[in-house]
C-alpha atoms as a PDB file:
ATOM      1  CA  MET A   1      15.391  16.193  10.194  1.00  0.00           C
ATOM      2  CA  ASN A   2      13.566  13.411  12.414  1.00  0.00           C
ATOM      3  CA  ARG A   3      10.348  14.138  10.719  1.00  0.00           C
ATOM      4  CA  VAL A   4      11.704  13.636   7.282  1.00  0.00           C
ATOM      5  CA  THR A   5      13.760  10.431   7.958  1.00  0.00           C
ATOM      6  CA  ALA A   6      10.410   9.041   9.182  1.00  0.00           C
ATOM      7  CA  ARG A   7       8.930   9.724   6.269  1.00  0.00           C
ATOM      8  CA  CYS A   8      11.149   8.500   3.828  1.00  0.00           C
ATOM      9  CA  ALA A   9      11.375   5.687   6.164  1.00  0.00           C
ATOM     10  CA  LEU A  10       7.617   4.723   6.039  1.00  0.00           C
ATOM     11  CA  LEU A  11       7.603   5.395   1.992  1.00  0.00           C
ATOM     12  CA  LEU A  12      10.426   2.838   1.499  1.00  0.00           C
ATOM     13  CA  ILE A  13       8.011   0.481   3.546  1.00  0.00           C
ATOM     14  CA  LEU A  14       5.394   0.887   1.974  1.00  0.00           C
ATOM     15  CA  SER A  15       6.498   0.894  -1.532  1.00  0.00           C
ATOM     16  CA  VAL A  16       8.996  -2.336  -0.997  1.00  0.00           C
ATOM     17  CA  PRO A  17       5.685  -4.499  -1.554  1.00  0.00           C
ATOM     18  CA  ALA A  18       4.527  -2.892  -4.543  1.00  0.00           C
ATOM     19  CA  PHE A  19       7.717  -3.436  -6.009  1.00  0.00           C
ATOM     20  CA  ALA A  20       7.738  -6.895  -5.317  1.00  0.00           C
ATOM     21  CA  GLN A  21       4.083  -7.629  -6.873  1.00  0.00           C
ATOM     22  CA  ALA A  22       5.298  -5.958 -10.185  1.00  0.00           C
ATOM     23  CA  SER A  23       8.111  -8.047 -10.285  1.00  0.00           C
ATOM     24  CA  SER A  24       5.776 -11.279  -9.436  1.00  0.00           C
ATOM     25  CA  PHE A  25       3.366 -10.427 -12.083  1.00  0.00           C
ATOM     26  CA  ALA A  26       6.037  -9.919 -14.611  1.00  0.00           C
ATOM     27  CA  GLY A  27       7.557 -13.162 -14.154  1.00  0.00           C
ATOM     28  CA  THR A  28       4.118 -14.807 -13.904  1.00  0.00           C
ATOM     29  CA  SER A  29       2.879 -13.069 -17.406  1.00  0.00           C
ATOM     30  CA  ALA A  30       5.979 -14.513 -19.317  1.00  0.00           C
ATOM     31  CA  GLY A  31       4.216 -18.079 -19.982  1.00  0.00           C
ATOM     32  CA  SER A  32       1.880 -19.003 -22.121  1.00  0.00           C
ATOM     33  CA  ALA A  33      -2.018 -18.201 -21.671  1.00  0.00           C
ATOM     34  CA  SER A  34      -2.907 -21.230 -19.816  1.00  0.00           C
ATOM     35  CA  ALA A  35       0.474 -21.633 -17.633  1.00  0.00           C
ATOM     36  CA  GLY A  36       0.112 -17.958 -17.445  1.00  0.00           C
ATOM     37  CA  SER A  37      -3.338 -18.044 -15.409  1.00  0.00           C
ATOM     38  CA  ALA A  38      -2.274 -20.852 -13.360  1.00  0.00           C
ATOM     39  CA  GLY A  39       0.915 -18.919 -12.517  1.00  0.00           C
ATOM     40  CA  SER A  40      -0.942 -15.619 -11.779  1.00  0.00           C
ATOM     41  CA  SER A  41      -3.360 -17.296  -9.483  1.00  0.00           C
ATOM     42  CA  ALA A  42      -0.895 -19.602  -7.342  1.00  0.00           C
ATOM     43  CA  SER A  43       1.304 -16.213  -7.320  1.00  0.00           C
ATOM     44  CA  SER A  44      -1.072 -13.752  -5.414  1.00  0.00           C
ATOM     45  CA  ASP A  45      -1.454 -13.984  -2.177  1.00  0.00           C
ATOM     46  CA  SER A  46      -3.057 -11.619   0.440  1.00  0.00           C
ATOM     47  CA  SER A  47      -0.352  -8.986   0.637  1.00  0.00           C
ATOM     48  CA  SER A  48      -1.362  -8.403  -3.276  1.00  0.00           C
ATOM     49  CA  GLY A  49      -4.941  -7.671  -2.227  1.00  0.00           C
ATOM     50  CA  ASP A  50      -3.655  -5.637   0.631  1.00  0.00           C
ATOM     51  CA  ASP A  51      -1.215  -3.785  -1.853  1.00  0.00           C
ATOM     52  CA  LYS A  52      -4.347  -2.970  -3.671  1.00  0.00           C
ATOM     53  CA  LEU A  53      -6.488  -1.735  -0.863  1.00  0.00           C
ATOM     54  CA  VAL A  54      -3.789   0.932   0.052  1.00  0.00           C
ATOM     55  CA  LEU A  55      -3.707   2.006  -3.378  1.00  0.00           C
ATOM     56  CA  GLN A  56      -7.238   2.403  -3.892  1.00  0.00           C
ATOM     57  CA  ALA A  57      -7.643   4.401  -1.241  1.00  0.00           C
ATOM     58  CA  ARG A  58      -5.757   7.483  -2.526  1.00  0.00           C
ATOM     59  CA  ASP A  59      -8.927   9.250  -3.239  1.00  0.00           C
ATOM     60  CA  ASP A  60      -9.827   8.603   0.490  1.00  0.00           C
ATOM     61  CA  ALA A  61      -6.309   9.763   1.724  1.00  0.00           C
ATOM     62  CA  ALA A  62      -6.462  12.919  -0.126  1.00  0.00           C
ATOM     63  CA  GLY A  63      -9.648  14.084   1.325  1.00  0.00           C
ATOM     64  CA  PHE A  64      -8.394  13.209   4.852  1.00  0.00           C
ATOM     65  CA  VAL A  65      -5.199  15.181   4.121  1.00  0.00           C
ATOM     66  CA  ALA A  66      -6.955  18.060   2.511  1.00  0.00           C
ATOM     67  CA  SER A  67      -9.312  18.187   5.260  1.00  0.00           C
ATOM     68  CA  ALA A  68      -6.489  18.596   8.090  1.00  0.00           C
ATOM     69  CA  GLY A  69      -8.373  14.576   9.443  1.00  0.00           C
ATOM     70  CA  ARG A  70     -11.840  15.565   9.330  1.00  0.00           C
ATOM     71  CA  ILE A  71     -12.843  13.689   6.275  1.00  0.00           C
ATOM     72  CA  ARG A  72     -12.339  10.016   6.813  1.00  0.00           C
ATOM     73  CA  GLY A  73     -13.544   7.430   3.947  1.00  0.00           C
ATOM     74  CA  ALA A  74     -13.986   3.651   4.819  1.00  0.00           C
ATOM     75  CA  GLN A  75     -11.048   2.723   2.135  1.00  0.00           C
ATOM     76  CA  LEU A  76      -8.623   4.762   4.077  1.00  0.00           C
ATOM     77  CA  GLU A  77      -9.509   3.442   7.485  1.00  0.00           C
ATOM     78  CA  ALA A  78      -9.144  -0.327   5.791  1.00  0.00           C
ATOM     79  CA  ALA A  79      -5.615   0.740   4.577  1.00  0.00           C
ATOM     80  CA  LEU A  80      -4.612   1.876   7.359  1.00  0.00           C
ATOM     81  CA  ARG A  81      -5.362  -1.110   9.434  1.00  0.00           C
ATOM     82  CA  VAL A  82      -3.798  -3.090   6.799  1.00  0.00           C
ATOM     83  CA  LEU A  83      -0.350  -1.155   6.968  1.00  0.00           C
ATOM     84  CA  ARG A  84      -0.523  -1.082  10.615  1.00  0.00           C
ATOM     85  CA  GLU A  85      -1.124  -5.147  10.863  1.00  0.00           C
ATOM     86  CA  ARG A  86       1.638  -5.562   8.234  1.00  0.00           C
ATOM     87  CA  ASN A  87       4.013  -3.166   9.096  1.00  0.00           C
ATOM     88  CA  PRO A  88       5.428  -2.423  12.743  1.00  0.00           C
ATOM     89  CA  GLN A  89       6.939   0.809  11.997  1.00  0.00           C
ATOM     90  CA  ALA A  90       3.439   2.276  10.736  1.00  0.00           C
ATOM     91  CA  GLN A  91       1.846   1.663  13.880  1.00  0.00           C
ATOM     92  CA  GLN A  92       4.112   4.535  15.011  1.00  0.00           C
ATOM     93  CA  ALA A  93       3.003   6.730  12.523  1.00  0.00           C
ATOM     94  CA  SER A  94      -0.032   9.018  12.595  1.00  0.00           C
ATOM     95  CA  ASP A  95      -2.842   8.489  10.397  1.00  0.00           C
ATOM     96  CA  LEU A  96      -2.057  11.813   8.609  1.00  0.00           C
ATOM     97  CA  GLN A  97       1.362  10.466   8.124  1.00  0.00           C
ATOM     98  CA  LEU A  98      -0.161   7.206   6.528  1.00  0.00           C
ATOM     99  CA  ALA A  99      -2.134   9.293   4.160  1.00  0.00           C
ATOM    100  CA  GLN A 100       0.364  11.135   3.130  1.00  0.00           C
ATOM    101  CA  ALA A 101       2.527   8.319   2.082  1.00  0.00           C
ATOM    102  CA  ILE A 102      -0.286   6.427   0.513  1.00  0.00           C
ATOM    103  CA  LEU A 103      -0.364   9.839  -2.024  1.00  0.00           C
ATOM    104  CA  ALA A 104       3.095   9.509  -2.363  1.00  0.00           C
ATOM    105  CA  LEU A 105       3.127   6.071  -3.929  1.00  0.00           C
END
């Protein structure tokens, strides 16, 4: 039960920034073309780049999980670093748990 609870909490932590990014994108794309481009550049920050980095690591995460941790790709390594820097709870999770959470996004 503890493992399931920890995994659910980790999934929630990882998915919240993705939902926030989607809603901020929807809000900035509602204006005119010139206002939309200015709004989207103003609303982007380092966290949106971090979210993309994590999502781009899915292939590496799949290889890592399938190989029981023997295959470690550069994108997965970068995503793990970002997750641990951004989320204190992710610091307590193993690389395998984080890779599984990335796959669940």
